[in-house]
Amino acid sequence: MGMASKAGDWAFKAFTAGLGVATIYLAATFSVNVYRGLAWHNAQSKMDKEGSNEQKPQ
């Protein structure tokens, strides 16, 4: 194998590893954001229920 071929192989491996790391990072942050969004939505629902109980007409 020539020097250029080895350099190309290493460049491809580095690029592929970078894509793998980026994929793992994006999957992890997506999961965290989904969890935070669901937690926020749950908190909003609780606040809405508590607010409607406090403002009942007499």
PDB file of N, CA and C in Angstrom:
ATOM      1  N   MET A   1       0.840  -1.181   0.000  1.00  0.00           N
ATOM      2  CA  MET A   1       0.000   0.000   0.000  1.00  0.00           C
ATOM      3  C   MET A   1       0.880   1.237   0.000  1.00  0.00           C
ATOM      4  N   GLY A   2       0.441   2.216  -0.718  1.00  0.00           N
ATOM      5  CA  GLY A   2       1.202   3.459  -0.766  1.00  0.00           C
ATOM      6  C   GLY A   2       0.861   4.363   0.409  1.00  0.00           C
ATOM      7  N   MET A   3       1.652   5.389   0.536  1.00  0.00           N
ATOM      8  CA  MET A   3       1.469   6.344   1.636  1.00  0.00           C
ATOM      9  C   MET A   3       0.118   7.056   1.525  1.00  0.00           C
ATOM     10  N   ALA A   4      -0.285   7.407   0.313  1.00  0.00           N
ATOM     11  CA  ALA A   4      -1.554   8.114   0.111  1.00  0.00           C
ATOM     12  C   ALA A   4      -2.731   7.215   0.474  1.00  0.00           C
ATOM     13  N   SER A   5      -2.617   5.957   0.190  1.00  0.00           N
ATOM     14  CA  SER A   5      -3.694   5.020   0.506  1.00  0.00           C
ATOM     15  C   SER A   5      -3.870   4.884   2.021  1.00  0.00           C
ATOM     16  N   LYS A   6      -2.749   4.815   2.740  1.00  0.00           N
ATOM     17  CA  LYS A   6      -2.825   4.732   4.200  1.00  0.00           C
ATOM     18  C   LYS A   6      -3.408   6.012   4.782  1.00  0.00           C
ATOM     19  N   ALA A   7      -3.021   7.144   4.232  1.00  0.00           N
ATOM     20  CA  ALA A   7      -3.555   8.427   4.704  1.00  0.00           C
ATOM     21  C   ALA A   7      -5.055   8.488   4.449  1.00  0.00           C
ATOM     22  N   GLY A   8      -5.486   8.014   3.309  1.00  0.00           N
ATOM     23  CA  GLY A   8      -6.915   7.979   2.995  1.00  0.00           C
ATOM     24  C   GLY A   8      -7.672   7.064   3.938  1.00  0.00           C
ATOM     25  N   ASP A   9      -7.090   5.924   4.255  1.00  0.00           N
ATOM     26  CA  ASP A   9      -7.722   5.001   5.197  1.00  0.00           C
ATOM     27  C   ASP A   9      -7.883   5.647   6.567  1.00  0.00           C
ATOM     28  N   TRP A  10      -6.815   6.315   7.024  1.00  0.00           N
ATOM     29  CA  TRP A  10      -6.890   6.975   8.339  1.00  0.00           C
ATOM     30  C   TRP A  10      -7.890   8.124   8.333  1.00  0.00           C
ATOM     31  N   ALA A  11      -7.944   8.856   7.239  1.00  0.00           N
ATOM     32  CA  ALA A  11      -8.902   9.959   7.133  1.00  0.00           C
ATOM     33  C   ALA A  11     -10.327   9.416   7.177  1.00  0.00           C
ATOM     34  N   PHE A  12     -10.569   8.329   6.469  1.00  0.00           N
ATOM     35  CA  PHE A  12     -11.900   7.726   6.468  1.00  0.00           C
ATOM     36  C   PHE A  12     -12.264   7.199   7.855  1.00  0.00           C
ATOM     37  N   LYS A  13     -11.311   6.563   8.525  1.00  0.00           N
ATOM     38  CA  LYS A  13     -11.569   6.051   9.878  1.00  0.00           C
ATOM     39  C   LYS A  13     -11.854   7.194  10.853  1.00  0.00           C
ATOM     40  N   ALA A  14     -11.105   8.279  10.738  1.00  0.00           N
ATOM     41  CA  ALA A  14     -11.330   9.432  11.618  1.00  0.00           C
ATOM     42  C   ALA A  14     -12.697  10.058  11.346  1.00  0.00           C
ATOM     43  N   PHE A  15     -13.045  10.181  10.073  1.00  0.00           N
ATOM     44  CA  PHE A  15     -14.347  10.730   9.699  1.00  0.00           C
ATOM     45  C   PHE A  15     -15.480   9.844  10.219  1.00  0.00           C
ATOM     46  N   THR A  16     -15.342   8.549  10.046  1.00  0.00           N
ATOM     47  CA  THR A  16     -16.362   7.613  10.502  1.00  0.00           C
ATOM     48  C   THR A  16     -16.481   7.635  12.023  1.00  0.00           C
ATOM     49  N   ALA A  17     -15.356   7.706  12.720  1.00  0.00           N
ATOM     50  CA  ALA A  17     -15.388   7.788  14.182  1.00  0.00           C
ATOM     51  C   ALA A  17     -16.062   9.085  14.618  1.00  0.00           C
ATOM     52  N   GLY A  18     -15.793  10.163  13.936  1.00  0.00           N
ATOM     53  CA  GLY A  18     -16.442  11.433  14.243  1.00  0.00           C
ATOM     54  C   GLY A  18     -17.939  11.366  14.059  1.00  0.00           C
ATOM     55  N   LEU A  19     -18.379  10.719  13.004  1.00  0.00           N
ATOM     56  CA  LEU A  19     -19.819  10.539  12.796  1.00  0.00           C
ATOM     57  C   LEU A  19     -20.443   9.699  13.904  1.00  0.00           C
ATOM     58  N   GLY A  20     -19.726   8.685  14.350  1.00  0.00           N
ATOM     59  CA  GLY A  20     -20.227   7.852  15.435  1.00  0.00           C
ATOM     60  C   GLY A  20     -20.358   8.632  16.732  1.00  0.00           C
ATOM     61  N   VAL A  21     -19.344   9.419  17.047  1.00  0.00           N
ATOM     62  CA  VAL A  21     -19.389  10.239  18.266  1.00  0.00           C
ATOM     63  C   VAL A  21     -20.511  11.256  18.167  1.00  0.00           C
ATOM     64  N   ALA A  22     -20.661  11.886  17.009  1.00  0.00           N
ATOM     65  CA  ALA A  22     -21.732  12.872  16.828  1.00  0.00           C
ATOM     66  C   ALA A  22     -23.099  12.218  16.975  1.00  0.00           C
ATOM     67  N   THR A  23     -23.260  11.020  16.454  1.00  0.00           N
ATOM     68  CA  THR A  23     -24.531  10.304  16.556  1.00  0.00           C
ATOM     69  C   THR A  23     -24.863   9.986  18.009  1.00  0.00           C
ATOM     70  N   ILE A  24     -23.870   9.509  18.751  1.00  0.00           N
ATOM     71  CA  ILE A  24     -24.091   9.193  20.169  1.00  0.00           C
ATOM     72  C   ILE A  24     -24.432  10.452  20.948  1.00  0.00           C
ATOM     73  N   TYR A  25     -23.721  11.549  20.687  1.00  0.00           N
ATOM     74  CA  TYR A  25     -23.982  12.814  21.370  1.00  0.00           C
ATOM     75  C   TYR A  25     -25.397  13.315  21.067  1.00  0.00           C
ATOM     76  N   LEU A  26     -25.772  13.288  19.802  1.00  0.00           N
ATOM     77  CA  LEU A  26     -27.103  13.779  19.428  1.00  0.00           C
ATOM     78  C   LEU A  26     -28.209  12.890  20.003  1.00  0.00           C
ATOM     79  N   ALA A  27     -27.991  11.591  20.030  1.00  0.00           N
ATOM     80  CA  ALA A  27     -28.988  10.690  20.616  1.00  0.00           C
ATOM     81  C   ALA A  27     -29.139  10.949  22.111  1.00  0.00           C
ATOM     82  N   ALA A  28     -28.027  11.172  22.787  1.00  0.00           N
ATOM     83  CA  ALA A  28     -28.077  11.421  24.231  1.00  0.00           C
ATOM     84  C   ALA A  28     -28.762  12.752  24.524  1.00  0.00           C
ATOM     85  N   THR A  29     -28.404  13.804  23.799  1.00  0.00           N
ATOM     86  CA  THR A  29     -29.023  15.105  24.066  1.00  0.00           C
ATOM     87  C   THR A  29     -30.494  15.095  23.680  1.00  0.00           C
ATOM     88  N   PHE A  30     -30.849  14.376  22.633  1.00  0.00           N
ATOM     89  CA  PHE A  30     -32.254  14.254  22.253  1.00  0.00           C
ATOM     90  C   PHE A  30     -33.045  13.578  23.368  1.00  0.00           C
ATOM     91  N   SER A  31     -32.482  12.502  23.925  1.00  0.00           N
ATOM     92  CA  SER A  31     -33.165  11.787  25.003  1.00  0.00           C
ATOM     93  C   SER A  31     -33.348  12.691  26.225  1.00  0.00           C
ATOM     94  N   VAL A  32     -32.321  13.451  26.566  1.00  0.00           N
ATOM     95  CA  VAL A  32     -32.412  14.364  27.710  1.00  0.00           C
ATOM     96  C   VAL A  32     -33.466  15.433  27.447  1.00  0.00           C
ATOM     97  N   ASN A  33     -33.509  15.961  26.233  1.00  0.00           N
ATOM     98  CA  ASN A  33     -34.490  16.988  25.904  1.00  0.00           C
ATOM     99  C   ASN A  33     -35.910  16.447  25.918  1.00  0.00           C
ATOM    100  N   VAL A  34     -36.105  15.234  25.471  1.00  0.00           N
ATOM    101  CA  VAL A  34     -37.437  14.617  25.541  1.00  0.00           C
ATOM    102  C   VAL A  34     -37.851  14.453  26.995  1.00  0.00           C
ATOM    103  N   TYR A  35     -36.933  13.991  27.838  1.00  0.00           N
ATOM    104  CA  TYR A  35     -37.238  13.822  29.260  1.00  0.00           C
ATOM    105  C   TYR A  35     -37.597  15.164  29.894  1.00  0.00           C
ATOM    106  N   ARG A  36     -36.800  16.195  29.610  1.00  0.00           N
ATOM    107  CA  ARG A  36     -37.081  17.526  30.172  1.00  0.00           C
ATOM    108  C   ARG A  36     -38.419  18.058  29.667  1.00  0.00           C
ATOM    109  N   GLY A  37     -38.708  17.840  28.410  1.00  0.00           N
ATOM    110  CA  GLY A  37     -39.973  18.308  27.847  1.00  0.00           C
ATOM    111  C   GLY A  37     -41.161  17.617  28.492  1.00  0.00           C
ATOM    112  N   LEU A  38     -41.052  16.329  28.708  1.00  0.00           N
ATOM    113  CA  LEU A  38     -42.146  15.604  29.364  1.00  0.00           C
ATOM    114  C   LEU A  38     -42.296  16.033  30.815  1.00  0.00           C
ATOM    115  N   ALA A  39     -41.185  16.268  31.496  1.00  0.00           N
ATOM    116  CA  ALA A  39     -41.236  16.733  32.879  1.00  0.00           C
ATOM    117  C   ALA A  39     -41.876  18.123  32.940  1.00  0.00           C
ATOM    118  N   TRP A  40     -41.515  19.004  31.999  1.00  0.00           N
ATOM    119  CA  TRP A  40     -42.088  20.342  31.962  1.00  0.00           C
ATOM    120  C   TRP A  40     -43.596  20.265  31.703  1.00  0.00           C
ATOM    121  N   HIS A  41     -43.972  19.428  30.751  1.00  0.00           N
ATOM    122  CA  HIS A  41     -45.389  19.294  30.421  1.00  0.00           C
ATOM    123  C   HIS A  41     -46.171  18.756  31.618  1.00  0.00           C
ATOM    124  N   ASN A  42     -45.601  17.801  32.329  1.00  0.00           N
ATOM    125  CA  ASN A  42     -46.248  17.246  33.516  1.00  0.00           C
ATOM    126  C   ASN A  42     -46.409  18.323  34.580  1.00  0.00           C
ATOM    127  N   ALA A  43     -45.387  19.144  34.771  1.00  0.00           N
ATOM    128  CA  ALA A  43     -45.468  20.220  35.757  1.00  0.00           C
ATOM    129  C   ALA A  43     -46.521  21.244  35.358  1.00  0.00           C
ATOM    130  N   GLN A  44     -46.629  21.553  34.073  1.00  0.00           N
ATOM    131  CA  GLN A  44     -47.646  22.491  33.607  1.00  0.00           C
ATOM    132  C   GLN A  44     -49.040  21.938  33.846  1.00  0.00           C
ATOM    133  N   SER A  45     -49.207  20.637  33.601  1.00  0.00           N
ATOM    134  CA  SER A  45     -50.514  20.015  33.812  1.00  0.00           C
ATOM    135  C   SER A  45     -50.899  20.069  35.287  1.00  0.00           C
ATOM    136  N   LYS A  46     -49.937  19.843  36.175  1.00  0.00           N
ATOM    137  CA  LYS A  46     -50.221  19.911  37.608  1.00  0.00           C
ATOM    138  C   LYS A  46     -50.589  21.332  38.016  1.00  0.00           C
ATOM    139  N   MET A  47     -49.868  22.330  37.468  1.00  0.00           N
ATOM    140  CA  MET A  47     -50.170  23.719  37.793  1.00  0.00           C
ATOM    141  C   MET A  47     -51.557  24.103  37.295  1.00  0.00           C
ATOM    142  N   ASP A  48     -51.931  23.629  36.115  1.00  0.00           N
ATOM    143  CA  ASP A  48     -53.254  23.928  35.575  1.00  0.00           C
ATOM    144  C   ASP A  48     -54.344  23.329  36.449  1.00  0.00           C
ATOM    145  N   LYS A  49     -54.138  22.104  36.909  1.00  0.00           N
ATOM    146  CA  LYS A  49     -55.135  21.456  37.772  1.00  0.00           C
ATOM    147  C   LYS A  49     -55.244  22.178  39.109  1.00  0.00           C
ATOM    148  N   GLU A  50     -54.105  22.543  39.701  1.00  0.00           N
ATOM    149  CA  GLU A  50     -54.129  23.250  40.979  1.00  0.00           C
ATOM    150  C   GLU A  50     -54.749  24.638  40.817  1.00  0.00           C
ATOM    151  N   GLY A  51     -54.453  25.310  39.726  1.00  0.00           N
ATOM    152  CA  GLY A  51     -55.000  26.640  39.473  1.00  0.00           C
ATOM    153  C   GLY A  51     -56.497  26.593  39.279  1.00  0.00           C
ATOM    154  N   SER A  52     -57.010  25.570  38.621  1.00  0.00           N
ATOM    155  CA  SER A  52     -58.452  25.477  38.400  1.00  0.00           C
ATOM    156  C   SER A  52     -59.178  25.152  39.702  1.00  0.00           C
ATOM    157  N   ASN A  53     -58.539  24.457  40.626  1.00  0.00           N
ATOM    158  CA  ASN A  53     -59.155  24.174  41.927  1.00  0.00           C
ATOM    159  C   ASN A  53     -59.240  25.421  42.791  1.00  0.00           C
ATOM    160  N   GLU A  54     -58.232  26.308  42.670  1.00  0.00           N
ATOM    161  CA  GLU A  54     -58.201  27.516  43.482  1.00  0.00           C
ATOM    162  C   GLU A  54     -59.181  28.578  42.992  1.00  0.00           C
ATOM    163  N   GLN A  55     -59.550  28.565  41.727  1.00  0.00           N
ATOM    164  CA  GLN A  55     -60.354  29.620  41.148  1.00  0.00           C
ATOM    165  C   GLN A  55     -61.783  29.178  40.849  1.00  0.00           C
ATOM    166  N   LYS A  56     -62.319  28.280  41.657  1.00  0.00           N
ATOM    167  CA  LYS A  56     -63.688  27.832  41.442  1.00  0.00           C
ATOM    168  C   LYS A  56     -64.645  28.959  41.858  1.00  0.00           C
ATOM    169  N   PRO A  57     -65.689  29.194  41.077  1.00  0.00           N
ATOM    170  CA  PRO A  57     -66.669  30.220  41.468  1.00  0.00           C
ATOM    171  C   PRO A  57     -67.464  29.754  42.694  1.00  0.00           C
ATOM    172  N   GLN A  58     -67.836  30.731  43.531  1.00  0.00           N
ATOM    173  CA  GLN A  58     -68.567  30.377  44.758  1.00  0.00           C
ATOM    174  C   GLN A  58     -70.047  30.499  44.570  1.00  0.00           C
TER     175      GLN A  58
END
